[in-house]
């Protein structure tokens, strides 16, 4: 952290030149006070008090809406490796909900979470309302990870998928594609639908980002 401002060269030169003045009548010199020292660094927070949270960055600077309709700023994910998945209730890959929930139960906490994003883009396999989707996930798979509001995945449909595409160059081509995002929201890796929640590829990317 920078704790002091450096004096510019013109100001420093002027202060040097004015270090003394000569009285024309007496020839005596009067000392000019030296410039005051730069201010000290701000005092650190007292012991035991938490440091101020850093501002959200990258993808985590976006706002979103939870499946139930409440605001869910992605800033709540700052500091976590996040697996974003475009989910659907009537897809051949719908069974992956079970693996995603197992992943959440195993790794979920301060530095990891899964986030489901329902979409009806592919095969119209997510036609349900928010309440129907929520009931389906809980009754069939006991889902506890966050679910966002249903949205499209095409360009311009969702700031989240636009941001993910900007980092990876990829968009979902079917249901249950996965994006693993780093803790600061600045990096992401893309995995197609067939890469399951228990695959070495997906878990390797999660481990890589958790270690950063």
N, C-alpha and C. Protein backbone atom coordinates (compact mmCIF):
# COMPACT_ATOMS: atom_id res chain seq x y z
N UNK A 1 0.86 -1.20 0.00
CA UNK A 1 0.00 0.00 0.00
C UNK A 1 0.88 1.23 0.00
N UNK A 2 0.59 2.20 -0.85
CA UNK A 2 1.36 3.45 -0.85
C UNK A 2 0.90 4.26 0.34
N UNK A 3 1.86 4.71 1.15
CA UNK A 3 1.51 5.42 2.37
C UNK A 3 1.89 6.89 2.34
N UNK A 4 2.57 7.35 1.30
CA UNK A 4 2.96 8.76 1.24
C UNK A 4 2.98 9.20 -0.21
N UNK A 5 2.79 10.49 -0.45
CA UNK A 5 2.88 11.05 -1.79
C UNK A 5 4.28 11.60 -1.98
N UNK A 6 4.94 11.30 -3.11
CA UNK A 6 6.26 11.84 -3.41
C UNK A 6 6.11 13.27 -3.92
N UNK A 7 7.03 14.15 -3.51
CA UNK A 7 7.01 15.52 -3.99
C UNK A 7 7.48 15.54 -5.43
N UNK A 8 6.84 16.36 -6.26
CA UNK A 8 7.26 16.47 -7.65
C UNK A 8 8.58 17.23 -7.72
N UNK A 9 9.35 17.00 -8.80
CA UNK A 9 10.66 17.63 -8.95
C UNK A 9 10.61 19.15 -8.93
N UNK A 10 9.63 19.81 -9.64
CA UNK A 10 9.60 21.29 -9.58
C UNK A 10 9.39 21.81 -8.17
N UNK A 11 8.53 21.17 -7.39
CA UNK A 11 8.28 21.63 -6.02
C UNK A 11 9.52 21.42 -5.17
N UNK A 12 10.20 20.28 -5.35
CA UNK A 12 11.41 19.98 -4.58
C UNK A 12 12.50 20.98 -4.89
N UNK A 13 12.63 21.35 -6.19
CA UNK A 13 13.65 22.34 -6.56
C UNK A 13 13.37 23.70 -5.94
N UNK A 14 12.09 24.07 -5.93
CA UNK A 14 11.72 25.37 -5.36
C UNK A 14 12.01 25.41 -3.88
N UNK A 15 11.73 24.32 -3.17
CA UNK A 15 12.01 24.27 -1.74
C UNK A 15 13.51 24.37 -1.47
N UNK A 16 14.32 23.73 -2.33
CA UNK A 16 15.78 23.79 -2.17
C UNK A 16 16.29 25.21 -2.38
N UNK A 17 15.77 25.86 -3.43
CA UNK A 17 16.22 27.22 -3.73
C UNK A 17 15.84 28.19 -2.62
N UNK A 18 14.74 27.93 -1.94
CA UNK A 18 14.27 28.82 -0.88
C UNK A 18 14.73 28.36 0.49
N UNK A 19 15.76 27.57 0.55
CA UNK A 19 16.22 27.07 1.84
C UNK A 19 16.77 28.19 2.70
N UNK A 20 17.19 29.36 2.12
CA UNK A 20 17.66 30.51 2.91
C UNK A 20 17.35 31.78 2.14
N UNK A 21 17.21 32.89 2.86
CA UNK A 21 17.03 34.20 2.22
C UNK A 21 18.09 35.13 2.76
N UNK A 22 18.57 36.06 1.90
CA UNK A 22 19.62 37.01 2.29
C UNK A 22 19.02 38.37 2.49
N UNK A 23 19.29 38.99 3.67
CA UNK A 23 18.86 40.36 3.96
C UNK A 23 19.83 41.29 3.25
N UNK A 24 19.36 42.09 2.29
CA UNK A 24 20.25 42.95 1.49
C UNK A 24 21.01 43.92 2.36
N UNK A 25 20.44 44.40 3.47
CA UNK A 25 21.10 45.41 4.29
C UNK A 25 22.13 44.80 5.20
N UNK A 26 21.87 43.63 5.79
CA UNK A 26 22.77 43.09 6.81
C UNK A 26 23.60 41.95 6.31
N UNK A 27 23.18 41.34 5.20
CA UNK A 27 23.93 40.19 4.71
C UNK A 27 23.68 38.95 5.52
N UNK A 28 22.81 38.99 6.53
CA UNK A 28 22.54 37.82 7.37
C UNK A 28 21.56 36.91 6.66
N UNK A 29 21.57 35.65 7.07
CA UNK A 29 20.66 34.67 6.50
C UNK A 29 19.69 34.21 7.55
N UNK A 30 18.42 34.11 7.17
CA UNK A 30 17.38 33.58 8.04
C UNK A 30 16.98 32.19 7.55
N UNK A 31 17.03 31.21 8.41
CA UNK A 31 16.68 29.84 8.02
C UNK A 31 15.19 29.74 7.73
N UNK A 32 14.87 28.98 6.70
CA UNK A 32 13.48 28.70 6.35
C UNK A 32 13.17 27.29 6.83
N UNK A 33 12.09 27.11 7.52
CA UNK A 33 11.77 25.77 8.04
C UNK A 33 11.70 24.75 6.92
N UNK A 34 12.22 23.55 7.19
CA UNK A 34 12.15 22.46 6.22
C UNK A 34 10.71 22.02 6.05
N UNK A 35 10.37 21.50 4.88
CA UNK A 35 9.00 21.02 4.68
C UNK A 35 8.64 19.93 5.67
N UNK A 36 7.37 19.91 6.05
CA UNK A 36 6.92 18.90 7.01
C UNK A 36 7.01 17.52 6.38
N UNK A 37 7.33 16.51 7.18
CA UNK A 37 7.41 15.15 6.63
C UNK A 37 6.05 14.69 6.14
N UNK A 38 6.09 13.74 5.18
CA UNK A 38 4.84 13.20 4.64
C UNK A 38 4.06 12.53 5.75
N UNK A 39 2.76 12.56 5.60
CA UNK A 39 1.91 11.98 6.64
C UNK A 39 2.14 10.48 6.76
N UNK A 40 1.95 9.98 7.93
CA UNK A 40 2.18 8.57 8.19
C UNK A 40 1.06 7.75 7.61
N UNK A 41 1.31 6.45 7.45
CA UNK A 41 0.29 5.54 6.92
C UNK A 41 -0.88 5.47 7.88
N UNK A 42 -2.08 5.23 7.36
CA UNK A 42 -3.24 5.07 8.24
C UNK A 42 -3.01 3.92 9.21
N UNK A 43 -3.52 4.09 10.40
CA UNK A 43 -3.34 3.06 11.40
C UNK A 43 -4.06 1.79 10.99
N UNK A 44 -3.47 0.65 11.29
CA UNK A 44 -4.09 -0.63 10.97
C UNK A 44 -5.31 -0.83 11.84
N UNK A 45 -6.22 -1.67 11.36
CA UNK A 45 -7.42 -1.99 12.13
C UNK A 45 -7.02 -2.65 13.43
N UNK A 46 -7.69 -2.32 14.53
CA UNK A 46 -7.38 -2.95 15.81
C UNK A 46 -7.44 -4.46 15.72
N UNK A 47 -6.61 -5.11 16.52
CA UNK A 47 -6.56 -6.57 16.52
C UNK A 47 -7.94 -7.13 16.79
N UNK A 48 -8.28 -8.16 16.04
CA UNK A 48 -9.56 -8.82 16.26
C UNK A 48 -10.67 -8.31 15.37
N UNK A 49 -10.47 -7.15 14.74
CA UNK A 49 -11.50 -6.61 13.84
C UNK A 49 -11.23 -7.09 12.42
N UNK A 50 -12.27 -7.52 11.67
CA UNK A 50 -12.06 -8.03 10.31
C UNK A 50 -11.64 -6.92 9.36
N UNK A 51 -10.80 -7.29 8.38
CA UNK A 51 -10.39 -6.32 7.37
C UNK A 51 -11.56 -6.04 6.45
N UNK A 52 -11.56 -4.86 5.85
CA UNK A 52 -12.64 -4.50 4.93
C UNK A 52 -12.64 -5.44 3.74
N UNK A 53 -13.83 -5.85 3.30
CA UNK A 53 -13.94 -6.76 2.17
C UNK A 53 -13.51 -6.06 0.89
N UNK A 54 -12.83 -6.81 0.02
CA UNK A 54 -12.39 -6.23 -1.24
C UNK A 54 -13.58 -6.10 -2.19
N UNK A 55 -13.50 -5.14 -3.07
CA UNK A 55 -14.58 -4.93 -4.03
C UNK A 55 -14.65 -6.11 -4.99
N UNK A 56 -15.85 -6.53 -5.39
CA UNK A 56 -15.97 -7.65 -6.33
C UNK A 56 -15.33 -7.33 -7.67
N UNK A 57 -14.76 -8.34 -8.30
CA UNK A 57 -14.06 -8.15 -9.57
C UNK A 57 -14.55 -9.18 -10.58
N UNK A 58 -14.22 -8.94 -11.84
CA UNK A 58 -14.53 -9.89 -12.90
C UNK A 58 -16.01 -10.23 -12.95
N UNK A 59 -16.29 -11.49 -13.15
CA UNK A 59 -17.67 -11.95 -13.25
C UNK A 59 -18.46 -11.65 -11.98
N UNK A 60 -17.77 -11.63 -10.84
CA UNK A 60 -18.44 -11.45 -9.55
C UNK A 60 -18.90 -10.01 -9.31
N UNK A 61 -18.61 -9.12 -10.23
CA UNK A 61 -19.11 -7.75 -10.12
C UNK A 61 -20.53 -7.62 -10.68
N UNK A 62 -21.05 -8.69 -11.28
CA UNK A 62 -22.38 -8.65 -11.88
C UNK A 62 -23.47 -8.87 -10.84
N UNK A 63 -24.65 -8.37 -11.15
CA UNK A 63 -25.83 -8.64 -10.34
C UNK A 63 -26.60 -9.81 -10.95
N UNK A 64 -27.36 -10.51 -10.13
CA UNK A 64 -28.17 -11.62 -10.61
C UNK A 64 -29.41 -11.73 -9.75
N UNK A 65 -30.31 -12.63 -10.15
CA UNK A 65 -31.54 -12.87 -9.41
C UNK A 65 -31.64 -14.35 -9.08
N UNK A 66 -31.94 -14.66 -7.84
CA UNK A 66 -32.10 -16.04 -7.41
C UNK A 66 -33.37 -16.63 -8.01
N UNK A 67 -33.47 -17.96 -8.03
CA UNK A 67 -34.63 -18.63 -8.60
C UNK A 67 -35.92 -18.19 -7.93
N UNK A 68 -35.85 -17.91 -6.64
CA UNK A 68 -37.04 -17.48 -5.91
C UNK A 68 -37.43 -16.03 -6.14
N UNK A 69 -36.61 -15.28 -6.88
CA UNK A 69 -36.94 -13.90 -7.21
C UNK A 69 -36.17 -12.85 -6.44
N UNK A 70 -35.44 -13.23 -5.40
CA UNK A 70 -34.65 -12.27 -4.63
C UNK A 70 -33.38 -11.90 -5.38
N UNK A 71 -32.89 -10.69 -5.10
CA UNK A 71 -31.60 -10.27 -5.67
C UNK A 71 -30.49 -11.16 -5.12
N UNK A 72 -29.56 -11.52 -5.99
CA UNK A 72 -28.40 -12.30 -5.57
C UNK A 72 -27.17 -11.77 -6.29
N UNK A 73 -26.59 -10.67 -5.79
CA UNK A 73 -25.37 -10.16 -6.42
C UNK A 73 -24.28 -11.23 -6.41
N UNK A 74 -23.59 -11.38 -7.52
CA UNK A 74 -22.53 -12.38 -7.58
C UNK A 74 -21.36 -12.02 -6.68
N UNK A 75 -21.38 -10.81 -6.12
CA UNK A 75 -20.35 -10.43 -5.14
C UNK A 75 -20.34 -11.41 -3.96
N UNK A 76 -21.46 -12.08 -3.71
CA UNK A 76 -21.51 -13.06 -2.63
C UNK A 76 -20.63 -14.27 -2.92
N UNK A 77 -20.18 -14.42 -4.17
CA UNK A 77 -19.34 -15.54 -4.56
C UNK A 77 -17.86 -15.17 -4.58
N UNK A 78 -17.55 -13.91 -4.37
CA UNK A 78 -16.15 -13.47 -4.37
C UNK A 78 -15.36 -14.30 -3.37
N UNK A 79 -14.22 -14.83 -3.80
CA UNK A 79 -13.40 -15.66 -2.93
C UNK A 79 -13.71 -17.14 -3.03
N UNK A 80 -14.70 -17.50 -3.88
CA UNK A 80 -15.05 -18.91 -4.05
C UNK A 80 -14.77 -19.36 -5.48
N UNK A 81 -14.31 -20.59 -5.64
CA UNK A 81 -14.33 -21.22 -6.94
C UNK A 81 -15.77 -21.64 -7.20
N UNK A 82 -16.33 -21.23 -8.33
CA UNK A 82 -17.74 -21.47 -8.61
C UNK A 82 -17.90 -22.27 -9.89
N UNK A 83 -18.74 -23.29 -9.84
CA UNK A 83 -19.09 -24.05 -11.03
C UNK A 83 -20.50 -23.64 -11.45
N UNK A 84 -20.59 -22.86 -12.54
CA UNK A 84 -21.88 -22.46 -13.10
C UNK A 84 -22.32 -23.54 -14.09
N UNK A 85 -23.58 -23.98 -13.96
CA UNK A 85 -24.12 -25.04 -14.82
C UNK A 85 -25.48 -24.62 -15.35
N UNK A 86 -25.68 -24.69 -16.67
CA UNK A 86 -27.02 -24.44 -17.22
C UNK A 86 -27.82 -25.74 -17.14
N UNK A 87 -28.82 -25.75 -16.27
CA UNK A 87 -29.52 -26.98 -15.93
C UNK A 87 -30.91 -27.05 -16.57
N UNK A 88 -31.46 -28.27 -16.60
CA UNK A 88 -32.80 -28.50 -17.14
C UNK A 88 -33.39 -29.74 -16.48
N UNK A 89 -34.71 -29.77 -16.34
CA UNK A 89 -35.37 -30.83 -15.58
C UNK A 89 -35.76 -32.04 -16.42
N UNK A 90 -35.77 -31.91 -17.75
CA UNK A 90 -36.27 -32.99 -18.59
C UNK A 90 -35.24 -33.39 -19.65
N UNK A 91 -33.99 -33.46 -19.26
CA UNK A 91 -32.88 -33.73 -20.18
C UNK A 91 -32.26 -35.09 -19.85
N UNK A 92 -31.62 -35.67 -20.84
CA UNK A 92 -30.91 -36.91 -20.60
C UNK A 92 -29.78 -36.75 -19.60
N UNK A 93 -29.32 -35.52 -19.41
CA UNK A 93 -28.25 -35.25 -18.44
C UNK A 93 -28.79 -34.80 -17.08
N UNK A 94 -30.11 -34.79 -16.91
CA UNK A 94 -30.68 -34.27 -15.67
C UNK A 94 -30.17 -35.02 -14.44
N UNK A 95 -29.84 -36.28 -14.60
CA UNK A 95 -29.29 -37.07 -13.50
C UNK A 95 -28.01 -36.49 -12.93
N UNK A 96 -27.35 -35.59 -13.67
CA UNK A 96 -26.13 -34.96 -13.16
C UNK A 96 -26.41 -34.07 -11.95
N UNK A 97 -27.67 -33.73 -11.73
CA UNK A 97 -28.01 -32.99 -10.51
C UNK A 97 -27.47 -33.73 -9.28
N UNK A 98 -27.56 -35.06 -9.28
CA UNK A 98 -27.09 -35.84 -8.13
C UNK A 98 -25.60 -35.64 -7.91
N UNK A 99 -24.82 -35.70 -8.99
CA UNK A 99 -23.38 -35.50 -8.87
C UNK A 99 -23.01 -34.09 -8.48
N UNK A 100 -23.77 -33.11 -8.97
CA UNK A 100 -23.51 -31.72 -8.60
C UNK A 100 -23.79 -31.51 -7.11
N UNK A 101 -24.86 -32.13 -6.61
CA UNK A 101 -25.16 -32.01 -5.18
C UNK A 101 -24.08 -32.70 -4.34
N UNK A 102 -23.58 -33.84 -4.79
CA UNK A 102 -22.49 -34.52 -4.08
C UNK A 102 -21.23 -33.64 -4.06
N UNK A 103 -20.96 -32.98 -5.18
CA UNK A 103 -19.82 -32.06 -5.26
C UNK A 103 -19.99 -30.93 -4.25
N UNK A 104 -21.21 -30.40 -4.17
CA UNK A 104 -21.49 -29.32 -3.22
C UNK A 104 -21.30 -29.80 -1.78
N UNK A 105 -21.79 -30.98 -1.47
CA UNK A 105 -21.68 -31.50 -0.11
C UNK A 105 -20.23 -31.80 0.26
N UNK A 106 -19.45 -32.23 -0.71
CA UNK A 106 -18.05 -32.55 -0.45
C UNK A 106 -17.17 -31.32 -0.33
N UNK A 107 -17.35 -30.36 -1.22
CA UNK A 107 -16.42 -29.22 -1.31
C UNK A 107 -17.02 -27.88 -0.89
N UNK A 108 -18.34 -27.80 -0.85
CA UNK A 108 -18.98 -26.51 -0.60
C UNK A 108 -18.57 -25.90 0.73
N UNK A 109 -18.41 -24.60 0.73
CA UNK A 109 -17.99 -23.90 1.95
C UNK A 109 -17.46 -22.53 1.62
N UNK A 110 -16.42 -22.11 2.33
CA UNK A 110 -15.89 -20.76 2.18
C UNK A 110 -15.25 -20.51 0.82
N UNK A 111 -14.77 -21.56 0.15
CA UNK A 111 -14.04 -21.32 -1.10
C UNK A 111 -14.57 -22.12 -2.29
N UNK A 112 -15.80 -22.64 -2.20
CA UNK A 112 -16.35 -23.38 -3.34
C UNK A 112 -17.87 -23.42 -3.28
N UNK A 113 -18.50 -23.36 -4.47
CA UNK A 113 -19.94 -23.61 -4.58
C UNK A 113 -20.29 -23.96 -6.01
N UNK A 114 -21.37 -24.69 -6.15
CA UNK A 114 -22.02 -24.92 -7.44
C UNK A 114 -23.16 -23.91 -7.55
N UNK A 115 -23.43 -23.42 -8.76
CA UNK A 115 -24.58 -22.53 -9.01
C UNK A 115 -25.31 -23.04 -10.25
N UNK A 116 -26.58 -23.38 -10.10
CA UNK A 116 -27.37 -23.82 -11.23
C UNK A 116 -28.12 -22.67 -11.87
N UNK A 117 -28.17 -22.68 -13.21
CA UNK A 117 -28.90 -21.65 -13.95
C UNK A 117 -29.85 -22.35 -14.93
N UNK A 118 -31.13 -22.48 -14.59
CA UNK A 118 -32.08 -23.14 -15.49
C UNK A 118 -32.21 -22.40 -16.81
N UNK A 119 -32.34 -23.18 -17.89
CA UNK A 119 -32.54 -22.59 -19.21
C UNK A 119 -33.41 -23.51 -20.05
N UNK A 120 -34.25 -22.92 -20.85
CA UNK A 120 -35.14 -23.68 -21.74
C UNK A 120 -34.66 -23.62 -23.18
N UNK A 121 -33.40 -23.27 -23.38
CA UNK A 121 -32.87 -23.07 -24.73
C UNK A 121 -32.75 -24.34 -25.54
N UNK A 122 -32.50 -25.46 -24.89
CA UNK A 122 -32.11 -26.67 -25.62
C UNK A 122 -33.18 -27.75 -25.47
N UNK A 123 -33.89 -28.02 -26.58
CA UNK A 123 -34.93 -29.03 -26.58
C UNK A 123 -36.15 -28.67 -25.75
N UNK A 124 -36.25 -27.41 -25.34
CA UNK A 124 -37.35 -26.97 -24.47
C UNK A 124 -37.50 -27.92 -23.28
N UNK A 125 -36.38 -28.24 -22.68
CA UNK A 125 -36.36 -29.24 -21.61
C UNK A 125 -36.39 -28.63 -20.20
N UNK A 126 -36.63 -27.31 -20.13
CA UNK A 126 -36.86 -26.67 -18.83
C UNK A 126 -38.05 -25.74 -18.96
N UNK A 127 -39.27 -26.30 -19.13
CA UNK A 127 -40.46 -25.47 -19.34
C UNK A 127 -41.10 -24.96 -18.06
N UNK A 128 -40.68 -25.47 -16.90
CA UNK A 128 -41.37 -25.19 -15.65
C UNK A 128 -41.18 -23.77 -15.14
N UNK A 129 -42.06 -23.41 -14.21
CA UNK A 129 -41.95 -22.13 -13.50
C UNK A 129 -40.85 -22.24 -12.45
N UNK A 130 -40.52 -21.11 -11.84
CA UNK A 130 -39.50 -21.11 -10.79
C UNK A 130 -39.88 -22.05 -9.66
N UNK A 131 -41.15 -22.01 -9.25
CA UNK A 131 -41.61 -22.87 -8.15
C UNK A 131 -41.53 -24.34 -8.54
N UNK A 132 -41.87 -24.66 -9.78
CA UNK A 132 -41.82 -26.04 -10.24
C UNK A 132 -40.38 -26.55 -10.32
N UNK A 133 -39.48 -25.70 -10.80
CA UNK A 133 -38.07 -26.09 -10.88
C UNK A 133 -37.51 -26.33 -9.48
N UNK A 134 -37.81 -25.42 -8.58
CA UNK A 134 -37.30 -25.54 -7.22
C UNK A 134 -37.81 -26.82 -6.55
N UNK A 135 -39.10 -27.11 -6.72
CA UNK A 135 -39.68 -28.32 -6.13
C UNK A 135 -39.05 -29.56 -6.74
N UNK A 136 -38.87 -29.56 -8.05
CA UNK A 136 -38.27 -30.72 -8.73
C UNK A 136 -36.86 -30.99 -8.19
N UNK A 137 -36.05 -29.95 -8.06
CA UNK A 137 -34.67 -30.12 -7.61
C UNK A 137 -34.60 -30.62 -6.17
N UNK A 138 -35.43 -30.10 -5.33
CA UNK A 138 -35.38 -30.49 -3.92
C UNK A 138 -35.97 -31.88 -3.69
N UNK A 139 -37.09 -32.19 -4.35
CA UNK A 139 -37.76 -33.47 -4.13
C UNK A 139 -36.99 -34.64 -4.74
N UNK A 140 -36.32 -34.40 -5.87
CA UNK A 140 -35.65 -35.49 -6.57
C UNK A 140 -34.16 -35.61 -6.26
N UNK A 141 -33.52 -34.49 -5.93
CA UNK A 141 -32.06 -34.51 -5.75
C UNK A 141 -31.59 -33.83 -4.47
N UNK A 142 -32.51 -33.27 -3.69
CA UNK A 142 -32.11 -32.62 -2.44
C UNK A 142 -31.13 -31.48 -2.65
N UNK A 143 -31.32 -30.73 -3.74
CA UNK A 143 -30.37 -29.66 -4.10
C UNK A 143 -30.32 -28.58 -3.02
N UNK A 144 -29.12 -28.26 -2.60
CA UNK A 144 -28.92 -27.18 -1.62
C UNK A 144 -28.07 -26.05 -2.18
N UNK A 145 -27.45 -26.26 -3.34
CA UNK A 145 -26.62 -25.18 -3.89
C UNK A 145 -27.51 -24.09 -4.50
N UNK A 146 -27.00 -22.86 -4.64
CA UNK A 146 -27.81 -21.75 -5.16
C UNK A 146 -28.30 -22.01 -6.57
N UNK A 147 -29.51 -21.57 -6.83
CA UNK A 147 -30.10 -21.65 -8.17
C UNK A 147 -30.51 -20.24 -8.57
N UNK A 148 -30.14 -19.83 -9.77
CA UNK A 148 -30.50 -18.52 -10.28
C UNK A 148 -31.77 -18.61 -11.13
N UNK A 149 -32.34 -17.46 -11.45
CA UNK A 149 -33.55 -17.39 -12.25
C UNK A 149 -33.31 -17.97 -13.64
N UNK A 150 -34.35 -18.55 -14.21
CA UNK A 150 -34.25 -19.14 -15.55
C UNK A 150 -33.92 -18.05 -16.56
N UNK A 151 -33.03 -18.38 -17.49
CA UNK A 151 -32.58 -17.37 -18.46
C UNK A 151 -32.12 -18.06 -19.73
N UNK A 152 -31.96 -17.27 -20.78
CA UNK A 152 -31.38 -17.77 -22.02
C UNK A 152 -29.86 -17.77 -21.94
N UNK A 153 -29.25 -18.49 -22.86
CA UNK A 153 -27.79 -18.61 -22.86
C UNK A 153 -27.16 -17.94 -24.08
N UNK A 154 -27.98 -17.49 -25.02
CA UNK A 154 -27.46 -16.90 -26.26
C UNK A 154 -26.91 -15.50 -26.00
N UNK A 155 -26.17 -14.99 -26.96
CA UNK A 155 -25.55 -13.67 -26.81
C UNK A 155 -26.61 -12.61 -26.51
N UNK A 156 -26.39 -11.84 -25.47
CA UNK A 156 -27.30 -10.78 -25.09
C UNK A 156 -28.42 -11.21 -24.16
N UNK A 157 -28.59 -12.52 -23.96
CA UNK A 157 -29.66 -13.00 -23.08
C UNK A 157 -29.32 -12.84 -21.61
N UNK A 158 -28.05 -13.02 -21.28
CA UNK A 158 -27.64 -13.07 -19.88
C UNK A 158 -26.25 -12.49 -19.72
N UNK A 159 -26.08 -11.47 -18.86
CA UNK A 159 -24.74 -10.94 -18.61
C UNK A 159 -23.78 -12.01 -18.08
N UNK A 160 -24.32 -12.99 -17.36
CA UNK A 160 -23.45 -14.04 -16.82
C UNK A 160 -22.87 -14.88 -17.95
N UNK A 161 -23.73 -15.37 -18.85
CA UNK A 161 -23.23 -16.20 -19.95
C UNK A 161 -22.41 -15.37 -20.93
N UNK A 162 -22.73 -14.08 -21.07
CA UNK A 162 -21.89 -13.21 -21.89
C UNK A 162 -20.50 -13.10 -21.27
N UNK A 163 -20.45 -12.93 -19.94
CA UNK A 163 -19.15 -12.83 -19.27
C UNK A 163 -18.36 -14.12 -19.35
N UNK A 164 -19.04 -15.25 -19.18
CA UNK A 164 -18.37 -16.54 -19.28
C UNK A 164 -17.84 -16.78 -20.69
N UNK A 165 -18.62 -16.39 -21.69
CA UNK A 165 -18.17 -16.52 -23.07
C UNK A 165 -16.96 -15.63 -23.35
N UNK A 166 -16.94 -14.45 -22.73
CA UNK A 166 -15.80 -13.56 -22.91
C UNK A 166 -14.51 -14.14 -22.35
N UNK A 167 -14.61 -14.93 -21.29
CA UNK A 167 -13.41 -15.53 -20.69
C UNK A 167 -12.99 -16.83 -21.36
N UNK A 168 -13.95 -17.59 -21.86
CA UNK A 168 -13.62 -18.92 -22.39
C UNK A 168 -13.77 -19.05 -23.90
N UNK A 169 -14.50 -18.12 -24.53
CA UNK A 169 -14.80 -18.26 -25.94
C UNK A 169 -15.87 -19.30 -26.22
N UNK A 170 -16.55 -19.75 -25.18
CA UNK A 170 -17.54 -20.82 -25.32
C UNK A 170 -18.89 -20.42 -24.72
N UNK A 171 -19.95 -20.95 -25.32
CA UNK A 171 -21.29 -20.85 -24.77
C UNK A 171 -21.87 -22.27 -24.69
N UNK A 172 -22.87 -22.46 -23.83
CA UNK A 172 -23.48 -23.79 -23.77
C UNK A 172 -24.02 -24.20 -25.14
N UNK A 173 -23.75 -25.47 -25.50
CA UNK A 173 -24.31 -26.02 -26.73
C UNK A 173 -25.43 -26.99 -26.42
N UNK A 174 -25.61 -27.28 -25.14
CA UNK A 174 -26.68 -28.15 -24.67
C UNK A 174 -26.80 -27.95 -23.17
N UNK A 175 -27.75 -28.65 -22.56
CA UNK A 175 -27.93 -28.54 -21.11
C UNK A 175 -26.75 -29.16 -20.36
N UNK A 176 -26.51 -28.66 -19.17
CA UNK A 176 -25.52 -29.16 -18.22
C UNK A 176 -24.08 -28.97 -18.71
N UNK A 177 -23.83 -27.86 -19.44
CA UNK A 177 -22.45 -27.43 -19.66
C UNK A 177 -21.97 -26.79 -18.36
N UNK A 178 -20.65 -26.80 -18.16
CA UNK A 178 -20.10 -26.34 -16.88
C UNK A 178 -18.97 -25.35 -17.11
N UNK A 179 -19.00 -24.28 -16.30
CA UNK A 179 -17.94 -23.26 -16.32
C UNK A 179 -17.35 -23.20 -14.91
N UNK A 180 -16.08 -23.49 -14.79
CA UNK A 180 -15.40 -23.38 -13.50
C UNK A 180 -14.72 -22.02 -13.46
N UNK A 181 -15.09 -21.20 -12.47
CA UNK A 181 -14.63 -19.81 -12.39
C UNK A 181 -13.74 -19.64 -11.17
N UNK A 182 -12.65 -18.89 -11.35
CA UNK A 182 -11.67 -18.69 -10.28
C UNK A 182 -12.23 -17.82 -9.15
N UNK A 183 -11.51 -17.77 -8.05
CA UNK A 183 -11.99 -17.08 -6.85
C UNK A 183 -12.20 -15.59 -7.07
N UNK A 184 -11.42 -14.98 -7.97
CA UNK A 184 -11.58 -13.54 -8.21
C UNK A 184 -12.46 -13.24 -9.41
N UNK A 185 -13.03 -14.28 -10.01
CA UNK A 185 -13.94 -14.07 -11.13
C UNK A 185 -13.30 -13.65 -12.42
N UNK A 186 -11.97 -13.80 -12.54
CA UNK A 186 -11.27 -13.31 -13.73
C UNK A 186 -10.87 -14.41 -14.71
N UNK A 187 -10.97 -15.67 -14.29
CA UNK A 187 -10.59 -16.79 -15.14
C UNK A 187 -11.70 -17.84 -15.13
N UNK A 188 -11.81 -18.59 -16.22
CA UNK A 188 -12.83 -19.64 -16.28
C UNK A 188 -12.39 -20.73 -17.24
N UNK A 189 -12.86 -21.94 -17.00
CA UNK A 189 -12.66 -23.07 -17.89
C UNK A 189 -14.01 -23.67 -18.22
N UNK A 190 -14.17 -24.13 -19.47
CA UNK A 190 -15.44 -24.63 -19.97
C UNK A 190 -15.39 -26.15 -20.16
N UNK A 191 -16.51 -26.81 -19.82
CA UNK A 191 -16.62 -28.25 -20.00
C UNK A 191 -17.99 -28.57 -20.60
N UNK A 192 -18.00 -29.43 -21.59
CA UNK A 192 -19.25 -29.79 -22.26
C UNK A 192 -20.13 -30.66 -21.37
N UNK A 193 -21.35 -30.88 -21.82
CA UNK A 193 -22.36 -31.59 -21.03
C UNK A 193 -21.89 -32.97 -20.58
N UNK A 194 -21.18 -33.67 -21.46
CA UNK A 194 -20.77 -35.04 -21.15
C UNK A 194 -19.70 -35.16 -20.09
N UNK A 195 -19.09 -34.06 -19.71
CA UNK A 195 -18.08 -34.08 -18.63
C UNK A 195 -18.84 -34.01 -17.30
N UNK A 196 -18.90 -35.13 -16.61
CA UNK A 196 -19.72 -35.22 -15.41
C UNK A 196 -19.12 -34.54 -14.20
N UNK A 197 -19.92 -34.34 -13.16
CA UNK A 197 -19.45 -33.68 -11.94
C UNK A 197 -18.31 -34.43 -11.23
N UNK A 198 -18.22 -35.75 -11.47
CA UNK A 198 -17.17 -36.54 -10.81
C UNK A 198 -15.98 -36.79 -11.73
N UNK A 199 -15.94 -36.12 -12.89
CA UNK A 199 -14.85 -36.36 -13.85
C UNK A 199 -13.53 -35.76 -13.35
N UNK A 200 -12.44 -36.39 -13.76
CA UNK A 200 -11.12 -35.89 -13.39
C UNK A 200 -10.86 -34.51 -13.98
N UNK A 201 -11.38 -34.27 -15.21
CA UNK A 201 -11.15 -32.97 -15.84
C UNK A 201 -11.77 -31.84 -15.02
N UNK A 202 -13.02 -32.02 -14.64
CA UNK A 202 -13.71 -30.96 -13.88
C UNK A 202 -13.09 -30.78 -12.51
N UNK A 203 -12.84 -31.87 -11.83
CA UNK A 203 -12.26 -31.78 -10.49
C UNK A 203 -10.84 -31.22 -10.53
N UNK A 204 -10.12 -31.51 -11.61
CA UNK A 204 -8.78 -30.94 -11.74
C UNK A 204 -8.81 -29.43 -11.86
N UNK A 205 -9.78 -28.91 -12.63
CA UNK A 205 -9.91 -27.45 -12.78
C UNK A 205 -10.31 -26.82 -11.47
N UNK A 206 -11.21 -27.47 -10.73
CA UNK A 206 -11.61 -26.95 -9.42
C UNK A 206 -10.41 -26.90 -8.47
N UNK A 207 -9.63 -27.97 -8.43
CA UNK A 207 -8.46 -28.02 -7.56
C UNK A 207 -7.43 -26.96 -7.94
N UNK A 208 -7.26 -26.76 -9.24
CA UNK A 208 -6.30 -25.75 -9.72
C UNK A 208 -6.68 -24.36 -9.22
N UNK A 209 -7.94 -24.00 -9.33
CA UNK A 209 -8.38 -22.67 -8.92
C UNK A 209 -8.45 -22.54 -7.40
N UNK A 210 -8.75 -23.62 -6.70
CA UNK A 210 -8.77 -23.54 -5.24
C UNK A 210 -7.37 -23.30 -4.68
N UNK A 211 -6.36 -23.75 -5.42
CA UNK A 211 -4.98 -23.59 -4.94
C UNK A 211 -4.41 -22.20 -5.18
N UNK A 212 -5.10 -21.38 -6.00
CA UNK A 212 -4.60 -20.03 -6.28
C UNK A 212 -4.78 -19.11 -5.09
